[in-house]
Amino acid sequence: MAYEKQQREEHREVDLDPDDFCCFICLDFLTEPVTIYCGHNFCKGCITRFWDLEDVKGKYSCPYCRRTFSPRPDLGRNNTLAEVLRKWKMTHNQRTSPSAALTRAGPTDVTCDFCCGTEPKKAAMSCLTCFASYCPAHLEPHLSVPVLKKHQLVSAMVPLCTKMCKEHNKLMEFYCQTDERLVCSLCALNHHKDHKTVPVSVQKAETEKRLVSIQKKVQKRVQQGEEELNHLSQAEENLKSCAQAAVADCDKLFDKLIDSLQRRHGEVKRLITAQKKTAVAQVKKLQLQQEEETAKLRRRDVFLEQLLHTDDHIYLIQIFQSLSNFGDPPDVPVGASPACSFRDVTDCVSELSDKLEVVLKDTWPKISATAGYVDFSMPPAPKTREEFLQYCCPLTMDVTSNYPYLYLVDDNHMMKPSPSPYADNPDRFTKFPQVLCQEGLSERCYWEVEWNGRRLSAAVSYKDISRTSDDSRFGSNDKSWSLECKADGYSFRHNNVETTVSGSCSYKIGVYLDYKAGTLCFYHVSDPMVLIHKVHTSFTQPVYPGLGLDYKWFDIGVFAQLVKLW
């Protein structure tokens, strides 16, 4: 009874999922199962080959959970799992592995050499000792019979005939490094006896090193490709943002132009209407005078007609003598109304229209060509300070533009407060302590500013910015863009609109201009660079770097300077 019970227990089906017996690397039944430190199981040969590839790193990982180990763990056979696997296979002798079931072999698959019938099964392993390939069902003896377990099994990736020497029909177990080809043992002794030949196991290590080197190059290229994709995505976003900003700016300019024309149109209509009223009033006045004069003449005509028919001769002569003292009635000129014509006005408007058409005709091709061309020739935008420094450009403060009480030193690269003013100059800022640089920029440029004071204005501006008006401060007009830096943070100003910018204060600011892309960026100079604020716009003329500095006379160490990066 005890014996029969033991037999029933041995042959009782183990209620386990077939996936429990799979190697994560080869996706087949575990062969010589080993358990590594993280608890996952692999074929001893599979994990050994996997870790051989990681020797160059000095760290070894689990292919399943990616946990790393250092130094390389020792591998010991998991006897318990091997015994469970043996019993499971005994009760499932006709089943296949989960990943390589007894499926029909496809056109590109290696077929099992022991399957009979018209539909051979797909081989899972090839034996380099037997020179045969086996499906999971026919592979069972190699996994259970001790003498067969010593055979060398490999995954059935390609037919065994491709690994055999065509001349000697022997396994190509050697590699000729001279001819760089696989050879069998007879070829090594005969045709390649003077060549440098090594066993394939020795060449395997060298090949794996080359594969690792190629893999690193591929991974590097993949990384470069991903970075390029990121750059292209960023370029797409920049293009969309720049196009949106350009449309908005053009809308403003055309609205301004249309508004100006409409105002002029209204002014012309007002002048014509006023002139019409004046002329009509004058005509009405002359008309009234003419009507009164005509009425007088009609009354005189009636009176004279009555005298001509009177029979009192003495009365006629008396009246005639008194009428002769008044003289002849005045003549009424024909067409005495004032001449009035607005032809000159329409001629002037027509002349203005013709001039505008000429300007549009001359300017439109440039606008059309500029709007219809996108320059992809520029490299991606820089990210590291080293990349930014490739675009650094020499800058010098313009001594004719600085605020009278800002003194320029260090070859006009630094400004400090001064008690004695500079001489007057039409280009000098007179309302606010600021200065422009001499250089106008229309390409990619990068510069850095260091400062100490109550507030720094790191700006770019068109050269025709006002120098004396109340809106001449950087950022208070539509001709300048300014990052305002204070001890408690930042703000950005343009066209007198101020936007709060988050971030802690930095006393070294990097400014990056991409003129053609319409991008202006301000950075906290560090490693890595930290973006403070980014602006998208469309520049219509070269821009000049500018610096503004707010301070009090009793402040100590106040200055602002251009960092010499060149």
Protein backbone atom coordinates (compact mmCIF):
# COMPACT_ATOMS: atom_id res chain seq x y z
CA MET A 1 0.00 0.00 0.00
CA ALA A 2 2.76 2.41 0.93
CA TYR A 3 4.56 1.65 -2.32
CA GLU A 4 1.41 2.22 -4.37
CA LYS A 5 0.78 5.52 -2.54
CA GLN A 6 4.33 6.63 -3.30
CA GLN A 7 3.87 5.73 -6.96
CA ARG A 8 0.59 7.65 -7.15
CA GLU A 9 2.27 10.71 -5.59
CA GLU A 10 5.17 10.49 -8.02
CA HIS A 11 2.85 10.23 -11.01
CA ARG A 12 0.28 12.70 -9.76
CA GLU A 13 0.15 15.74 -12.03
CA VAL A 14 1.85 18.73 -10.49
CA ASP A 15 -0.60 21.63 -10.61
CA LEU A 16 1.77 24.31 -11.85
CA ASP A 17 1.69 26.84 -14.65
CA PRO A 18 4.07 25.83 -17.50
CA ASP A 19 5.47 29.38 -17.39
CA ASP A 20 7.05 28.46 -14.05
CA PHE A 21 9.57 26.36 -15.97
CA CYS A 22 10.51 29.02 -18.54
CA CYS A 23 13.85 30.80 -18.80
CA PHE A 24 13.28 34.52 -19.35
CA ILE A 25 16.27 34.70 -21.70
CA CYS A 26 15.72 31.79 -24.12
CA LEU A 27 11.96 31.53 -23.42
CA ASP A 28 12.27 27.75 -23.27
CA PHE A 29 12.27 25.06 -20.54
CA LEU A 30 14.90 25.68 -17.92
CA THR A 31 18.10 23.74 -18.53
CA GLU A 32 20.31 23.33 -15.45
CA PRO A 33 18.17 25.85 -13.55
CA VAL A 34 19.96 28.34 -11.30
CA THR A 35 18.45 30.91 -8.97
CA ILE A 36 20.19 34.30 -8.64
CA TYR A 37 20.08 36.61 -5.61
CA CYS A 38 16.83 38.37 -6.59
CA GLY A 39 15.00 35.01 -6.69
CA HIS A 40 14.52 34.66 -10.45
CA ASN A 41 15.42 31.47 -12.32
CA PHE A 42 17.39 31.04 -15.53
CA CYS A 43 19.22 28.42 -17.50
CA LYS A 44 22.78 28.30 -16.28
CA GLY A 45 24.13 28.69 -19.81
CA CYS A 46 21.79 31.58 -20.63
CA ILE A 47 22.62 33.67 -17.57
CA THR A 48 26.32 32.89 -17.95
CA ARG A 49 26.36 34.17 -21.53
CA PHE A 50 24.28 37.20 -20.53
CA TRP A 51 26.69 38.16 -17.75
CA ASP A 52 29.69 37.57 -20.01
CA LEU A 53 28.39 40.47 -22.11
CA GLU A 54 28.24 42.67 -19.01
CA ASP A 55 31.86 42.01 -17.97
CA VAL A 56 32.92 45.30 -19.55
CA LYS A 57 30.56 47.20 -17.23
CA GLY A 58 31.72 45.56 -14.02
CA LYS A 59 28.09 45.29 -12.89
CA TYR A 60 25.73 42.39 -13.46
CA SER A 61 21.96 42.66 -13.68
CA CYS A 62 18.93 40.43 -13.60
CA PRO A 63 17.40 40.32 -17.12
CA TYR A 64 13.93 40.19 -15.54
CA CYS A 65 13.87 42.80 -12.75
CA ARG A 66 17.12 44.70 -13.65
CA ARG A 67 18.49 44.46 -10.12
CA THR A 68 22.28 44.85 -10.24
CA PHE A 69 24.96 42.85 -8.45
CA SER A 70 28.65 43.45 -7.89
CA PRO A 71 30.82 41.43 -7.90
CA ARG A 72 29.53 38.75 -10.27
CA PRO A 73 27.47 36.21 -8.28
CA ASP A 74 28.42 32.56 -8.19
CA LEU A 75 25.91 30.26 -9.84
CA GLY A 76 24.69 27.11 -8.09
CA ARG A 77 22.28 24.55 -9.51
CA ASN A 78 18.78 24.73 -8.03
CA ASN A 79 18.33 21.03 -7.35
CA THR A 80 14.81 21.39 -5.96
CA LEU A 81 13.57 23.23 -9.05
CA ALA A 82 15.37 20.75 -11.29
CA GLU A 83 13.62 17.83 -9.57
CA VAL A 84 10.20 19.54 -9.80
CA LEU A 85 10.87 20.20 -13.48
CA ARG A 86 11.85 16.55 -14.02
CA LYS A 87 8.65 15.27 -12.43
CA TRP A 88 6.54 17.79 -14.34
CA LYS A 89 8.08 16.66 -17.62
CA MET A 90 7.41 13.02 -16.77
CA THR A 91 3.70 13.73 -16.38
CA HIS A 92 3.62 16.08 -19.39
CA ASN A 93 5.74 14.08 -21.78
CA GLN A 94 3.65 15.08 -24.77
CA ARG A 95 3.41 18.77 -23.90
CA THR A 96 5.63 21.50 -25.20
CA SER A 97 7.19 24.51 -23.55
CA PRO A 98 4.90 27.52 -23.20
CA SER A 99 6.81 29.64 -25.66
CA ALA A 100 7.71 26.93 -28.13
CA ALA A 101 4.65 24.70 -28.28
CA LEU A 102 4.45 21.81 -30.74
CA THR A 103 3.64 24.16 -33.54
CA ARG A 104 4.07 23.51 -37.19
CA ALA A 105 7.36 24.80 -38.54
CA GLY A 106 7.16 27.82 -40.78
CA PRO A 107 9.19 28.49 -43.95
CA THR A 108 11.96 30.20 -42.00
CA ASP A 109 11.89 27.94 -38.91
CA VAL A 110 14.29 25.08 -38.13
CA THR A 111 12.35 21.81 -38.27
CA CYS A 112 12.64 18.90 -35.84
CA ASP A 113 14.69 16.06 -37.32
CA PHE A 114 12.70 13.41 -35.42
CA CYS A 115 9.15 14.51 -36.25
CA CYS A 116 7.41 12.22 -38.72
CA GLY A 117 4.55 13.04 -41.02
CA THR A 118 3.83 15.79 -43.48
CA GLU A 119 3.83 18.56 -40.87
CA PRO A 120 7.19 18.65 -39.03
CA LYS A 121 7.26 20.64 -35.82
CA LYS A 122 9.37 23.67 -35.04
CA ALA A 123 12.68 22.80 -33.40
CA ALA A 124 13.50 24.42 -30.08
CA MET A 125 17.12 23.30 -29.58
CA SER A 126 19.92 21.92 -31.71
CA CYS A 127 22.52 19.45 -30.37
CA LEU A 128 26.05 20.11 -31.55
CA THR A 129 27.02 16.60 -30.41
CA CYS A 130 24.25 14.71 -32.19
CA PHE A 131 24.07 17.16 -35.09
CA ALA A 132 20.29 17.13 -34.91
CA SER A 133 17.52 19.58 -34.03
CA TYR A 134 14.67 18.74 -31.67
CA CYS A 135 11.19 20.00 -30.94
CA PRO A 136 10.38 20.26 -27.20
CA ALA A 137 8.80 16.78 -27.17
CA HIS A 138 11.79 15.05 -28.75
CA LEU A 139 14.22 17.13 -26.71
CA GLU A 140 13.07 15.41 -23.49
CA PRO A 141 15.78 12.67 -23.47
CA HIS A 142 18.50 15.32 -23.62
CA LEU A 143 17.03 16.84 -20.47
CA SER A 144 16.55 13.65 -18.49
CA VAL A 145 19.00 10.96 -19.69
CA PRO A 146 22.35 11.51 -17.89
CA VAL A 147 24.55 10.65 -20.86
CA LEU A 148 22.57 12.94 -23.17
CA LYS A 149 22.55 15.76 -20.65
CA LYS A 150 26.28 16.16 -21.35
CA HIS A 151 25.61 17.08 -24.98
CA GLN A 152 26.00 20.70 -26.05
CA LEU A 153 22.61 22.24 -26.75
CA VAL A 154 22.04 25.58 -28.46
CA SER A 155 18.91 27.43 -29.50
CA ALA A 156 17.69 26.37 -32.92
CA MET A 157 18.19 29.70 -34.64
CA VAL A 158 19.52 28.43 -38.01
CA PRO A 159 19.72 24.96 -39.60
CA LEU A 160 22.68 22.89 -38.46
CA CYS A 161 23.86 22.50 -42.05
CA THR A 162 24.95 26.15 -42.00
CA LYS A 163 27.35 25.28 -39.15
CA MET A 164 28.89 22.34 -40.99
CA CYS A 165 31.93 22.39 -43.25
CA LYS A 166 30.72 21.71 -46.77
CA GLU A 167 33.97 19.96 -47.72
CA HIS A 168 34.38 17.65 -44.70
CA ASN A 169 30.82 17.63 -43.30
CA LYS A 170 32.19 18.39 -39.88
CA LEU A 171 31.13 21.05 -37.37
CA MET A 172 33.07 24.26 -37.82
CA GLU A 173 34.60 24.42 -34.34
CA PHE A 174 37.51 26.73 -35.18
CA TYR A 175 37.89 30.28 -36.40
CA CYS A 176 40.70 31.32 -38.74
CA GLN A 177 41.67 34.83 -37.68
CA THR A 178 43.88 35.16 -40.74
CA ASP A 179 41.07 34.56 -43.22
CA GLU A 180 38.35 35.65 -40.79
CA ARG A 181 36.17 32.61 -41.36
CA LEU A 182 34.86 29.54 -39.53
CA VAL A 183 36.58 26.23 -40.32
CA CYS A 184 36.35 22.62 -39.18
CA SER A 185 39.19 20.70 -37.48
CA LEU A 186 40.38 19.14 -40.76
CA CYS A 187 40.45 22.50 -42.52
CA ALA A 188 42.45 23.89 -39.62
CA LEU A 189 45.03 21.12 -40.02
CA ASN A 190 45.22 21.26 -43.79
CA HIS A 191 44.26 24.45 -45.61
CA HIS A 192 44.81 26.75 -42.60
CA LYS A 193 47.72 25.05 -40.88
CA ASP A 194 49.95 28.14 -41.23
CA HIS A 195 47.16 30.47 -40.19
CA LYS A 196 46.22 31.66 -36.77
CA THR A 197 43.24 29.54 -35.75
CA VAL A 198 41.48 29.47 -32.41
CA PRO A 199 38.51 27.50 -31.03
CA VAL A 200 35.18 29.19 -31.49
CA SER A 201 34.86 29.46 -27.70
CA VAL A 202 37.98 31.66 -27.69
CA GLN A 203 36.83 33.71 -30.67
CA LYS A 204 33.42 34.10 -29.01
CA ALA A 205 34.87 36.43 -26.38
CA GLU A 206 36.53 38.61 -29.03
CA THR A 207 33.35 38.65 -31.12
CA GLU A 208 31.29 39.61 -28.09
CA LYS A 209 33.68 42.49 -27.40
CA ARG A 210 33.19 43.69 -30.96
CA LEU A 211 29.45 43.28 -30.60
CA VAL A 212 29.53 45.31 -27.39
CA SER A 213 31.50 48.00 -29.23
CA ILE A 214 29.02 47.98 -32.10
CA GLN A 215 26.15 47.99 -29.62
CA LYS A 216 27.60 51.05 -27.90
CA LYS A 217 27.86 52.82 -31.24
CA VAL A 218 24.28 51.87 -32.07
CA GLN A 219 23.09 53.00 -28.64
CA LYS A 220 24.98 56.26 -29.07
CA ARG A 221 23.39 56.73 -32.47
CA VAL A 222 19.99 55.93 -31.00
CA GLN A 223 20.62 58.53 -28.30
CA GLN A 224 21.68 61.04 -30.93
CA GLY A 225 18.59 60.19 -32.95
CA GLU A 226 16.37 60.71 -29.91
CA GLU A 227 18.09 64.02 -29.19
CA GLU A 228 17.61 65.03 -32.81
CA LEU A 229 13.94 64.10 -32.55
CA ASN A 230 13.70 66.24 -29.43
CA HIS A 231 15.42 69.07 -31.27
CA LEU A 232 13.03 68.71 -34.19
CA SER A 233 10.06 68.64 -31.82
CA GLN A 234 11.41 71.75 -30.14
CA ALA A 235 11.97 73.32 -33.57
CA GLU A 236 8.35 72.51 -34.44
CA GLU A 237 7.11 74.16 -31.27
CA ASN A 238 9.39 77.14 -31.85
CA LEU A 239 8.14 77.47 -35.43
CA LYS A 240 4.52 77.35 -34.29
CA SER A 241 5.20 79.85 -31.54
CA CYS A 242 7.22 82.15 -33.82
CA ALA A 243 4.57 81.95 -36.55
CA GLN A 244 1.88 82.79 -34.02
CA ALA A 245 3.93 85.71 -32.71
CA ALA A 246 4.65 86.89 -36.28
CA VAL A 247 0.95 86.78 -37.16
CA ALA A 248 0.12 88.71 -34.00
CA ASP A 249 2.81 91.32 -34.71
CA CYS A 250 1.72 91.65 -38.35
CA ASP A 251 -1.88 92.03 -37.21
CA LYS A 252 -0.81 94.87 -34.94
CA LEU A 253 1.22 96.55 -37.68
CA PHE A 254 -1.50 96.21 -40.31
CA ASP A 255 -4.14 97.32 -37.81
CA LYS A 256 -1.97 100.33 -37.06
CA LEU A 257 -1.54 101.03 -40.77
CA ILE A 258 -5.26 100.60 -41.45
CA ASP A 259 -6.11 102.74 -38.43
CA SER A 260 -3.76 105.44 -39.69
CA LEU A 261 -5.37 105.37 -43.16
CA GLN A 262 -8.83 105.40 -41.65
CA ARG A 263 -7.92 108.38 -39.48
CA ARG A 264 -6.53 110.21 -42.52
CA HIS A 265 -9.64 109.23 -44.46
CA GLY A 266 -11.82 110.65 -41.71
CA GLU A 267 -9.73 113.82 -41.55
CA VAL A 268 -10.08 114.40 -45.30
CA LYS A 269 -13.85 113.86 -45.09
CA ARG A 270 -14.02 116.29 -42.16
CA LEU A 271 -12.06 118.96 -44.04
CA ILE A 272 -14.19 118.55 -47.16
CA THR A 273 -17.37 118.73 -45.10
CA ALA A 274 -16.18 121.85 -43.27
CA GLN A 275 -15.17 123.50 -46.54
CA LYS A 276 -18.54 122.58 -48.03
CA LYS A 277 -20.36 124.22 -45.11
CA THR A 278 -18.30 127.39 -45.47
CA ALA A 279 -18.87 127.57 -49.22
CA VAL A 280 -22.62 126.87 -48.88
CA ALA A 281 -22.95 129.63 -46.22
CA GLN A 282 -21.17 132.07 -48.53
CA VAL A 283 -23.43 131.15 -51.45
CA LYS A 284 -26.54 131.56 -49.28
CA LYS A 285 -25.35 134.99 -48.19
CA LEU A 286 -24.78 136.10 -51.78
CA GLN A 287 -28.10 134.56 -52.74
CA LEU A 288 -29.93 136.60 -50.09
CA GLN A 289 -28.21 139.80 -51.19
CA GLN A 290 -29.10 139.09 -54.79
CA GLU A 291 -32.73 138.43 -53.92
CA GLU A 292 -33.01 141.76 -52.02
CA GLU A 293 -31.44 143.69 -54.91
CA THR A 294 -33.71 142.00 -57.45
CA ALA A 295 -36.81 142.83 -55.33
CA LYS A 296 -35.80 146.51 -55.23
CA LEU A 297 -35.39 146.56 -58.98
CA ARG A 298 -38.79 144.98 -59.49
CA ARG A 299 -40.46 147.61 -57.27
CA ARG A 300 -38.71 150.41 -59.23
CA ASP A 301 -39.85 148.83 -62.48
CA VAL A 302 -43.48 148.83 -61.32
CA PHE A 303 -43.23 152.46 -60.18
CA LEU A 304 -41.72 153.52 -63.49
CA GLU A 305 -44.46 151.66 -65.35
CA GLN A 306 -47.07 153.64 -63.35
CA LEU A 307 -45.35 156.96 -64.18
CA LEU A 308 -45.40 156.10 -67.87
CA HIS A 309 -49.21 155.88 -67.75
CA THR A 310 -49.95 158.99 -65.63
CA ASP A 311 -51.80 161.95 -67.19
CA ASP A 312 -50.39 164.48 -64.71
CA HIS A 313 -47.55 166.01 -66.73
CA ILE A 314 -46.32 168.28 -63.95
CA TYR A 315 -46.10 165.34 -61.48
CA LEU A 316 -44.29 163.22 -64.08
CA ILE A 317 -41.64 165.89 -64.64
CA GLN A 318 -41.18 166.48 -60.89
CA ILE A 319 -40.76 162.80 -60.14
CA PHE A 320 -38.40 162.22 -63.04
CA GLN A 321 -36.13 165.03 -61.81
CA SER A 322 -35.97 163.42 -58.35
CA LEU A 323 -35.28 159.95 -59.84
CA SER A 324 -32.39 161.21 -61.90
CA ASN A 325 -30.49 161.95 -58.70
CA PHE A 326 -30.28 158.17 -57.91
CA GLY A 327 -28.43 157.32 -61.11
CA ASP A 328 -28.73 154.10 -63.12
CA PRO A 329 -29.47 150.83 -61.27
CA PRO A 330 -26.41 148.57 -60.79
CA ASP A 331 -25.79 145.82 -63.33
CA VAL A 332 -26.19 142.22 -62.03
CA PRO A 333 -23.22 140.13 -63.30
CA VAL A 334 -24.10 136.76 -64.76
CA GLY A 335 -22.47 133.76 -62.93
CA ALA A 336 -21.56 135.79 -59.84
CA SER A 337 -21.63 132.66 -57.58
CA PRO A 338 -18.28 131.68 -55.98
CA ALA A 339 -16.27 129.09 -57.89
CA CYS A 340 -15.91 125.90 -55.81
CA SER A 341 -14.17 122.58 -56.72
CA PHE A 342 -12.69 119.69 -54.71
CA ARG A 343 -10.75 118.28 -57.62
CA ASP A 344 -7.46 119.27 -56.04
CA VAL A 345 -8.31 117.20 -52.96
CA THR A 346 -9.12 114.05 -54.96
CA ASP A 347 -5.95 114.59 -56.97
CA CYS A 348 -3.89 114.68 -53.75
CA VAL A 349 -5.58 111.52 -52.41
CA SER A 350 -5.01 109.85 -55.76
CA GLU A 351 -1.34 110.80 -55.58
CA LEU A 352 -1.12 109.32 -52.05
CA SER A 353 -2.77 106.12 -53.28
CA ASP A 354 -0.29 105.85 -56.15
CA LYS A 355 2.66 106.32 -53.78
CA LEU A 356 1.32 103.67 -51.40
CA GLU A 357 0.94 101.26 -54.30
CA VAL A 358 4.55 101.93 -55.30
CA VAL A 359 5.75 101.30 -51.73
CA LEU A 360 3.72 98.08 -51.51
CA LYS A 361 4.99 96.95 -54.90
CA ASP A 362 8.60 97.55 -53.86
CA THR A 363 8.26 96.08 -50.35
CA TRP A 364 5.92 93.14 -50.92
CA PRO A 365 8.43 90.83 -52.70
CA LYS A 366 10.74 91.06 -49.68
CA ILE A 367 7.87 90.42 -47.27
CA SER A 368 6.62 87.51 -49.37
CA ALA A 369 10.08 85.96 -49.71
CA THR A 370 10.81 86.33 -46.00
CA ALA A 371 7.45 84.92 -44.92
CA GLY A 372 7.64 82.05 -47.40
CA TYR A 373 11.07 80.76 -46.35
CA VAL A 374 11.96 78.80 -43.23
CA ASP A 375 15.67 78.35 -42.53
CA PHE A 376 16.41 74.80 -41.35
CA SER A 377 20.13 75.18 -41.92
CA MET A 378 20.83 76.45 -38.42
CA PRO A 379 21.92 73.80 -35.89
CA PRO A 380 19.74 73.01 -32.88
CA ALA A 381 19.50 75.56 -30.10
CA PRO A 382 22.32 75.24 -27.53
CA LYS A 383 21.68 73.66 -24.14
CA THR A 384 24.96 73.67 -22.21
CA ARG A 385 27.04 76.72 -21.41
CA GLU A 386 29.80 75.33 -23.61
CA GLU A 387 27.36 75.27 -26.54
CA PHE A 388 26.14 78.80 -25.72
CA LEU A 389 29.72 80.09 -25.67
CA GLN A 390 30.05 79.08 -29.32
CA TYR A 391 27.80 82.06 -30.10
CA CYS A 392 29.47 84.62 -27.83
CA CYS A 393 30.12 87.96 -29.54
CA PRO A 394 32.31 90.90 -28.49
CA LEU A 395 30.22 93.79 -27.15
CA THR A 396 31.14 97.34 -26.14
CA MET A 397 28.99 99.96 -24.42
CA ASP A 398 28.30 103.05 -26.51
CA VAL A 399 29.81 106.06 -24.70
CA THR A 400 27.47 108.41 -26.60
CA SER A 401 24.30 106.72 -25.27
CA ASN A 402 24.99 106.15 -21.57
CA TYR A 403 23.07 108.08 -18.91
CA PRO A 404 25.09 111.22 -18.01
CA TYR A 405 25.84 110.03 -14.45
CA LEU A 406 26.94 106.52 -15.42
CA TYR A 407 30.70 106.37 -15.92
CA LEU A 408 32.09 103.77 -18.38
CA VAL A 409 35.32 101.98 -17.43
CA ASP A 410 37.28 98.84 -18.40
CA ASP A 411 37.35 99.71 -22.10
CA ASN A 412 33.64 100.55 -22.00
CA HIS A 413 32.66 97.11 -20.67
CA MET A 414 31.59 98.26 -17.18
CA MET A 415 29.46 101.15 -15.91
CA LYS A 416 29.46 102.74 -12.45
CA PRO A 417 27.71 105.76 -10.91
CA SER A 418 29.59 109.02 -11.32
CA PRO A 419 29.02 112.39 -9.56
CA SER A 420 30.18 114.36 -12.60
CA PRO A 421 28.04 114.11 -15.72
CA TYR A 422 29.07 113.38 -19.28
CA ALA A 423 28.68 116.09 -21.91
CA ASP A 424 25.34 116.37 -23.70
CA ASN A 425 24.80 114.21 -26.75
CA PRO A 426 21.64 113.72 -28.85
CA ASP A 427 21.99 109.92 -28.49
CA ARG A 428 22.33 110.01 -24.70
CA PHE A 429 19.60 108.63 -22.40
CA THR A 430 18.55 111.47 -20.13
CA LYS A 431 15.59 110.07 -18.19
CA PHE A 432 16.82 106.68 -16.96
CA PRO A 433 20.26 105.25 -15.99
CA GLN A 434 20.84 102.92 -18.93
CA VAL A 435 23.11 102.41 -21.93
CA LEU A 436 23.09 100.67 -25.33
CA CYS A 437 25.93 98.71 -26.88
CA GLN A 438 27.56 99.73 -30.14
CA GLU A 439 26.89 96.42 -31.92
CA GLY A 440 23.63 95.72 -33.75
CA LEU A 441 22.77 91.99 -33.79
CA SER A 442 20.86 90.04 -36.44
CA GLU A 443 22.17 86.48 -35.96
CA ARG A 444 22.58 84.00 -33.11
CA CYS A 445 24.44 85.71 -30.25
CA TYR A 446 25.13 85.05 -26.58
CA TRP A 447 26.47 87.37 -23.88
CA GLU A 448 26.61 87.49 -20.09
CA VAL A 449 26.06 90.31 -17.61
CA GLU A 450 27.23 90.67 -14.00
CA TRP A 451 25.76 93.33 -11.74
CA ASN A 452 25.33 94.71 -8.24
CA GLY A 453 22.67 97.28 -7.43
CA ARG A 454 19.01 97.70 -6.65
CA ARG A 455 17.83 96.54 -10.08
CA LEU A 456 19.35 95.45 -13.37
CA SER A 457 17.68 95.73 -16.75
CA ALA A 458 19.13 93.15 -19.17
CA ALA A 459 17.62 94.28 -22.46
CA VAL A 460 17.72 94.38 -26.22
CA SER A 461 16.42 97.39 -28.14
CA TYR A 462 16.08 98.90 -31.59
CA LYS A 463 18.47 101.77 -32.14
CA ASP A 464 15.70 104.32 -32.79
CA ILE A 465 14.35 104.00 -29.24
CA SER A 466 13.54 107.37 -27.66
CA ARG A 467 16.38 108.79 -25.53
CA THR A 468 14.60 111.63 -23.73
CA SER A 469 10.90 110.81 -23.33
CA ASP A 470 9.18 109.32 -20.29
CA ASP A 471 8.74 105.99 -22.12
CA SER A 472 12.44 105.70 -23.05
CA ARG A 473 13.06 103.21 -20.23
CA PHE A 474 13.87 99.69 -21.48
CA GLY A 475 10.65 97.66 -21.74
CA SER A 476 8.34 100.70 -21.53
CA ASN A 477 7.86 100.86 -25.31
CA ASP A 478 7.41 98.56 -28.30
CA LYS A 479 11.05 98.96 -29.33
CA SER A 480 12.72 97.16 -26.40
CA TRP A 481 12.51 93.94 -24.37
CA SER A 482 13.88 93.87 -20.83
CA LEU A 483 14.35 91.35 -18.00
CA GLU A 484 14.15 93.25 -14.72
CA CYS A 485 16.34 91.61 -12.03
CA LYS A 486 15.89 92.46 -8.36
CA ALA A 487 16.90 90.85 -5.08
CA ASP A 488 13.42 89.36 -4.65
CA GLY A 489 13.05 87.96 -8.18
CA TYR A 490 12.40 88.85 -11.80
CA SER A 491 9.87 90.49 -14.08
CA PHE A 492 9.78 90.96 -17.85
CA ARG A 493 8.75 94.19 -19.58
CA HIS A 494 7.79 94.96 -23.17
CA ASN A 495 5.59 97.73 -24.55
CA ASN A 496 5.02 98.87 -20.95
CA VAL A 497 3.45 95.51 -20.01
CA GLU A 498 5.12 93.87 -17.01
CA THR A 499 5.00 90.10 -16.41
CA THR A 500 6.16 88.47 -13.19
CA VAL A 501 8.77 85.73 -13.72
CA SER A 502 9.43 83.04 -11.11
CA GLY A 503 12.92 82.16 -9.91
CA SER A 504 15.51 83.23 -7.36
CA CYS A 505 17.69 86.22 -8.17
CA SER A 506 20.97 85.70 -10.01
CA TYR A 507 23.74 88.27 -10.23
CA LYS A 508 25.08 86.72 -13.43
CA ILE A 509 22.63 86.65 -16.33
CA GLY A 510 23.16 84.96 -19.70
CA VAL A 511 21.28 86.36 -22.70
CA TYR A 512 20.77 84.26 -25.85
CA LEU A 513 19.37 85.81 -29.02
CA ASP A 514 18.25 83.83 -32.08
CA TYR A 515 17.31 86.73 -34.33
CA LYS A 516 15.99 84.75 -37.30
CA ALA A 517 13.95 82.42 -35.10
CA GLY A 518 12.61 85.41 -33.16
CA THR A 519 13.74 83.95 -29.83
CA LEU A 520 15.16 85.84 -26.84
CA CYS A 521 16.15 83.82 -23.77
CA PHE A 522 17.48 84.82 -20.34
CA TYR A 523 19.44 82.28 -18.26
CA HIS A 524 20.83 81.93 -14.77
CA VAL A 525 24.45 81.16 -15.59
CA SER A 526 25.26 77.82 -13.96
CA ASP A 527 26.03 74.21 -14.80
CA PRO A 528 23.57 73.24 -16.15
CA MET A 529 22.10 76.48 -17.47
CA VAL A 530 18.74 77.41 -15.91
CA LEU A 531 16.19 79.16 -18.14
CA ILE A 532 14.63 82.22 -16.49
CA HIS A 533 12.38 83.52 -19.27
CA LYS A 534 11.88 82.98 -23.00
CA VAL A 535 10.34 85.39 -25.50
CA HIS A 536 9.00 84.70 -29.01
CA THR A 537 8.58 87.66 -31.35
CA SER A 538 9.44 88.91 -34.84
CA PHE A 539 12.31 91.38 -34.99
CA THR A 540 12.02 93.93 -37.81
CA GLN A 541 15.45 95.57 -37.49
CA PRO A 542 18.78 94.80 -35.80
CA VAL A 543 18.67 94.83 -32.01
CA TYR A 544 21.26 96.32 -29.67
CA PRO A 545 22.04 94.86 -26.21
CA GLY A 546 21.28 97.29 -23.41
CA LEU A 547 21.89 97.57 -19.66
CA GLY A 548 19.97 99.57 -17.10
CA LEU A 549 20.97 100.01 -13.45
CA ASP A 550 18.88 101.44 -10.63
CA TYR A 551 20.81 102.60 -7.54
CA LYS A 552 21.10 105.17 -4.79
CA TRP A 553 24.10 107.44 -4.35
CA PHE A 554 24.93 105.94 -0.98
CA ASP A 555 24.92 102.33 -2.32
CA ILE A 556 28.34 100.67 -2.20
CA GLY A 557 29.90 98.66 -5.03
CA VAL A 558 27.23 99.42 -7.61
CA PHE A 559 28.15 98.31 -11.15
CA ALA A 560 26.98 96.45 -14.23
CA GLN A 561 29.37 94.89 -16.72
CA LEU A 562 29.59 92.81 -19.85
CA VAL A 563 31.50 89.61 -19.08
CA LYS A 564 34.43 89.17 -21.47
CA LEU A 565 33.79 85.75 -22.99
CA TRP A 566 35.80 86.28 -26.16
